Amino acid sequence: MGIIKISDDVHDDVRRASQVMSRSINAQAEFWIKIGRLAERNPTMSFSEIIQMELDKADLEEQAMTEVPKQALA
């Protein structure tokens, strides 16, 4: 874990957004960093498409986690 220096203006933006989204300031900053990184890696995708891609990925991971115990019982 490290410390990231950001401007006061950006910190204020993160703080306001964190209140609206019911996230901690750190969680909001991490969300923006993650989405920004994904946007740079997928420049043709919209924000909505990036969010859908992440939801689909989470669904697959959840399915894989629930299938492992079923296979162990067989």
C-alpha atoms as a PDB file:
ATOM      1  CA  MET A   1       0.000   0.000   0.000  1.00  0.00           C
ATOM      2  CA  GLY A   2       1.291   3.443  -0.791  1.00  0.00           C
ATOM      3  CA  ILE A   3       0.445   7.084  -0.533  1.00  0.00           C
ATOM      4  CA  ILE A   4      -0.644   9.045  -3.581  1.00  0.00           C
ATOM      5  CA  LYS A   5      -0.419  12.825  -3.584  1.00  0.00           C
ATOM      6  CA  ILE A   6      -3.286  14.539  -5.342  1.00  0.00           C
ATOM      7  CA  SER A   7      -4.279  18.169  -5.641  1.00  0.00           C
ATOM      8  CA  ASP A   8      -6.735  19.698  -3.209  1.00  0.00           C
ATOM      9  CA  ASP A   9      -9.222  20.185  -6.065  1.00  0.00           C
ATOM     10  CA  VAL A  10      -9.128  16.491  -7.000  1.00  0.00           C
ATOM     11  CA  HIS A  11      -9.415  15.500  -3.340  1.00  0.00           C
ATOM     12  CA  ASP A  12     -12.498  17.695  -3.015  1.00  0.00           C
ATOM     13  CA  ASP A  13     -13.999  16.045  -6.120  1.00  0.00           C
ATOM     14  CA  VAL A  14     -13.289  12.586  -4.688  1.00  0.00           C
ATOM     15  CA  ARG A  15     -14.794  13.556  -1.338  1.00  0.00           C
ATOM     16  CA  ARG A  16     -17.990  14.894  -2.933  1.00  0.00           C
ATOM     17  CA  ALA A  17     -18.349  11.860  -5.199  1.00  0.00           C
ATOM     18  CA  SER A  18     -17.720   9.488  -2.286  1.00  0.00           C
ATOM     19  CA  GLN A  19     -20.613  11.044  -0.380  1.00  0.00           C
ATOM     20  CA  VAL A  20     -22.965  10.722  -3.351  1.00  0.00           C
ATOM     21  CA  MET A  21     -21.913   7.133  -4.083  1.00  0.00           C
ATOM     22  CA  SER A  22     -21.854   6.082  -0.386  1.00  0.00           C
ATOM     23  CA  ARG A  23     -18.219   5.030  -0.602  1.00  0.00           C
ATOM     24  CA  SER A  24     -15.241   5.945   1.501  1.00  0.00           C
ATOM     25  CA  ILE A  25     -12.911   8.522  -0.010  1.00  0.00           C
ATOM     26  CA  ASN A  26     -10.331   5.779  -0.609  1.00  0.00           C
ATOM     27  CA  ALA A  27     -12.888   3.465  -2.215  1.00  0.00           C
ATOM     28  CA  GLN A  28     -14.036   6.270  -4.534  1.00  0.00           C
ATOM     29  CA  ALA A  29     -10.466   7.071  -5.547  1.00  0.00           C
ATOM     30  CA  GLU A  30      -9.768   3.367  -6.173  1.00  0.00           C
ATOM     31  CA  PHE A  31     -12.925   3.120  -8.289  1.00  0.00           C
ATOM     32  CA  TRP A  32     -11.890   6.087 -10.425  1.00  0.00           C
ATOM     33  CA  ILE A  33      -8.353   4.698 -10.799  1.00  0.00           C
ATOM     34  CA  LYS A  34      -9.686   1.280 -11.817  1.00  0.00           C
ATOM     35  CA  ILE A  35     -12.177   2.687 -14.317  1.00  0.00           C
ATOM     36  CA  GLY A  36      -9.568   5.072 -15.734  1.00  0.00           C
ATOM     37  CA  ARG A  37      -7.106   2.203 -16.189  1.00  0.00           C
ATOM     38  CA  LEU A  38      -9.779   0.104 -17.903  1.00  0.00           C
ATOM     39  CA  ALA A  39     -10.741   3.046 -20.137  1.00  0.00           C
ATOM     40  CA  GLU A  40      -7.122   3.473 -21.225  1.00  0.00           C
ATOM     41  CA  ARG A  41      -6.857  -0.251 -21.993  1.00  0.00           C
ATOM     42  CA  ASN A  42     -10.204  -0.266 -23.847  1.00  0.00           C
ATOM     43  CA  PRO A  43     -10.374   3.122 -25.600  1.00  0.00           C
ATOM     44  CA  THR A  44     -13.317   2.202 -27.813  1.00  0.00           C
ATOM     45  CA  MET A  45     -15.570   1.233 -24.890  1.00  0.00           C
ATOM     46  CA  SER A  46     -18.006   3.601 -23.190  1.00  0.00           C
ATOM     47  CA  PHE A  47     -18.252   3.927 -19.416  1.00  0.00           C
ATOM     48  CA  SER A  48     -21.433   1.814 -19.490  1.00  0.00           C
ATOM     49  CA  GLU A  49     -19.695  -0.906 -21.492  1.00  0.00           C
ATOM     50  CA  ILE A  50     -16.768  -0.955 -19.065  1.00  0.00           C
ATOM     51  CA  ILE A  51     -19.131  -1.294 -16.104  1.00  0.00           C
ATOM     52  CA  GLN A  52     -21.045  -4.092 -17.875  1.00  0.00           C
ATOM     53  CA  MET A  53     -17.759  -5.872 -18.655  1.00  0.00           C
ATOM     54  CA  GLU A  54     -16.808  -5.736 -14.968  1.00  0.00           C
ATOM     55  CA  LEU A  55     -20.252  -6.962 -13.887  1.00  0.00           C
ATOM     56  CA  ASP A  56     -20.023  -9.866 -16.351  1.00  0.00           C
ATOM     57  CA  LYS A  57     -16.553 -10.714 -15.024  1.00  0.00           C
ATOM     58  CA  ALA A  58     -17.832 -10.657 -11.428  1.00  0.00           C
ATOM     59  CA  ASP A  59     -20.747 -12.919 -12.393  1.00  0.00           C
ATOM     60  CA  LEU A  60     -18.357 -15.453 -13.958  1.00  0.00           C
ATOM     61  CA  GLU A  61     -16.125 -15.386 -10.881  1.00  0.00           C
ATOM     62  CA  GLU A  62     -19.133 -15.888  -8.614  1.00  0.00           C
ATOM     63  CA  GLN A  63     -20.361 -18.818 -10.737  1.00  0.00           C
ATOM     64  CA  ALA A  64     -16.913 -20.406 -10.617  1.00  0.00           C
ATOM     65  CA  MET A  65     -16.820 -20.066  -6.823  1.00  0.00           C
ATOM     66  CA  THR A  66     -20.210 -21.762  -6.419  1.00  0.00           C
ATOM     67  CA  GLU A  67     -19.399 -24.545  -8.892  1.00  0.00           C
ATOM     68  CA  VAL A  68     -16.255 -25.660  -7.068  1.00  0.00           C
ATOM     69  CA  PRO A  69     -18.128 -26.978  -3.994  1.00  0.00           C
ATOM     70  CA  LYS A  70     -20.625 -28.793  -6.244  1.00  0.00           C
ATOM     71  CA  GLN A  71     -17.780 -30.544  -8.068  1.00  0.00           C
ATOM     72  CA  ALA A  72     -16.158 -31.509  -4.781  1.00  0.00           C
ATOM     73  CA  LEU A  73     -19.365 -33.262  -3.709  1.00  0.00           C
ATOM     74  CA  ALA A  74     -19.559 -35.384  -6.876  1.00  0.00           C
END
